[in-house]
Amino acid sequence: MAGEPDADPPAGSARPVGEAERQGRLLYRGAEADLVRGRWQGLDAVFKLRKPLPYRLPALDDAIRRQRTLHEAEMLHAAKKAGVL
């Protein structure tokens, strides 16, 4: 199981992801995020749990993680709309 970092919920989710839903099988551990397989609203899902980085100021780290999560969701949406996904 992944260590439970304080992470943003998946972009576009209807409600925050609870700890029980986030727990699952660790698929990949990266420098800035972990990928975890779990369930969300009764469906199989993959969560990208972005880790706070201790060398950044907390406010800056939070802003960067939120911006990256939002930008990633926008890119996935655009790719899906274009028929790539």
Protein backbone atom coordinates (compact mmCIF):
# COMPACT_ATOMS: atom_id res chain seq x y z
CA MET A 1 0.00 0.00 0.00
CA ALA A 2 1.12 3.51 -0.63
CA GLY A 3 1.94 5.77 2.24
CA GLU A 4 -1.12 7.97 2.52
CA PRO A 5 0.20 11.39 1.48
CA ASP A 6 -2.09 14.37 1.62
CA ALA A 7 -3.13 14.56 -2.03
CA ASP A 8 -5.61 16.34 -4.23
CA PRO A 9 -8.62 14.34 -5.36
CA PRO A 10 -8.74 13.38 -9.02
CA ALA A 11 -9.70 16.31 -11.18
CA GLY A 12 -13.38 16.43 -11.99
CA SER A 13 -14.42 14.18 -9.12
CA ALA A 14 -17.88 14.86 -7.74
CA ARG A 15 -16.66 14.64 -4.17
CA PRO A 16 -13.36 14.26 -2.29
CA VAL A 17 -11.86 10.80 -2.38
CA GLY A 18 -11.97 9.15 1.04
CA GLU A 19 -9.08 7.27 2.60
CA ALA A 20 -10.87 3.91 2.23
CA GLU A 21 -11.36 4.52 -1.50
CA ARG A 22 -7.76 5.64 -2.02
CA GLN A 23 -6.29 2.52 -0.46
CA GLY A 24 -5.41 -0.03 -3.02
CA ARG A 25 -2.55 -1.63 -4.85
CA LEU A 26 0.49 0.55 -5.48
CA LEU A 27 1.17 0.48 -9.22
CA TYR A 28 4.11 2.88 -9.38
CA ARG A 29 6.06 5.07 -6.95
CA GLY A 30 7.56 8.15 -8.52
CA ALA A 31 9.55 11.10 -7.24
CA GLU A 32 6.55 13.44 -7.14
CA ALA A 33 3.52 11.11 -7.17
CA ASP A 34 2.36 7.55 -6.57
CA LEU A 35 -0.09 5.69 -8.81
CA VAL A 36 -2.52 3.51 -6.89
CA ARG A 37 -5.26 1.20 -8.21
CA GLY A 38 -8.46 1.44 -6.21
CA ARG A 39 -12.21 2.01 -6.44
CA TRP A 40 -14.12 5.27 -6.87
CA GLN A 41 -17.93 5.40 -6.70
CA GLY A 42 -18.05 1.64 -7.29
CA LEU A 43 -15.76 1.72 -10.35
CA ASP A 44 -12.17 0.58 -10.84
CA ALA A 45 -9.88 3.61 -10.88
CA VAL A 46 -6.25 4.69 -10.84
CA PHE A 47 -5.34 7.51 -8.47
CA LYS A 48 -2.37 9.79 -8.89
CA LEU A 49 -1.44 10.87 -5.39
CA ARG A 50 0.86 13.86 -5.64
CA LYS A 51 3.27 14.06 -2.71
CA PRO A 52 4.04 17.29 -0.88
CA LEU A 53 7.72 18.10 -1.42
CA PRO A 54 9.45 19.12 1.82
CA TYR A 55 11.97 21.46 0.16
CA ARG A 56 9.20 23.77 -1.14
CA LEU A 57 7.33 26.36 0.85
CA PRO A 58 3.98 24.72 1.71
CA ALA A 59 1.85 27.41 0.01
CA LEU A 60 3.97 27.25 -3.17
CA ASP A 61 3.93 23.43 -3.14
CA ASP A 62 0.15 23.35 -2.79
CA ALA A 63 -0.30 25.84 -5.64
CA ILE A 64 2.06 23.89 -7.94
CA ARG A 65 0.40 20.53 -7.20
CA ARG A 66 -3.09 21.96 -7.76
CA GLN A 67 -2.06 23.65 -11.02
CA ARG A 68 -0.39 20.47 -12.34
CA THR A 69 -3.40 18.33 -11.43
CA LEU A 70 -5.79 20.73 -13.15
CA HIS A 71 -3.58 21.04 -16.24
CA GLU A 72 -3.26 17.25 -16.50
CA ALA A 73 -7.05 16.85 -16.31
CA GLU A 74 -7.51 19.48 -19.02
CA MET A 75 -5.01 17.70 -21.30
CA LEU A 76 -6.70 14.33 -20.76
CA HIS A 77 -10.09 15.88 -21.54
CA ALA A 78 -8.76 17.50 -24.72
CA ALA A 79 -7.17 14.21 -25.84
CA LYS A 80 -10.39 12.33 -25.21
CA LYS A 81 -12.42 14.95 -27.06
CA ALA A 82 -10.01 14.68 -30.03
CA GLY A 83 -10.45 10.89 -30.09
CA VAL A 84 -6.95 10.09 -28.87
CA LEU A 85 -8.13 8.23 -25.74
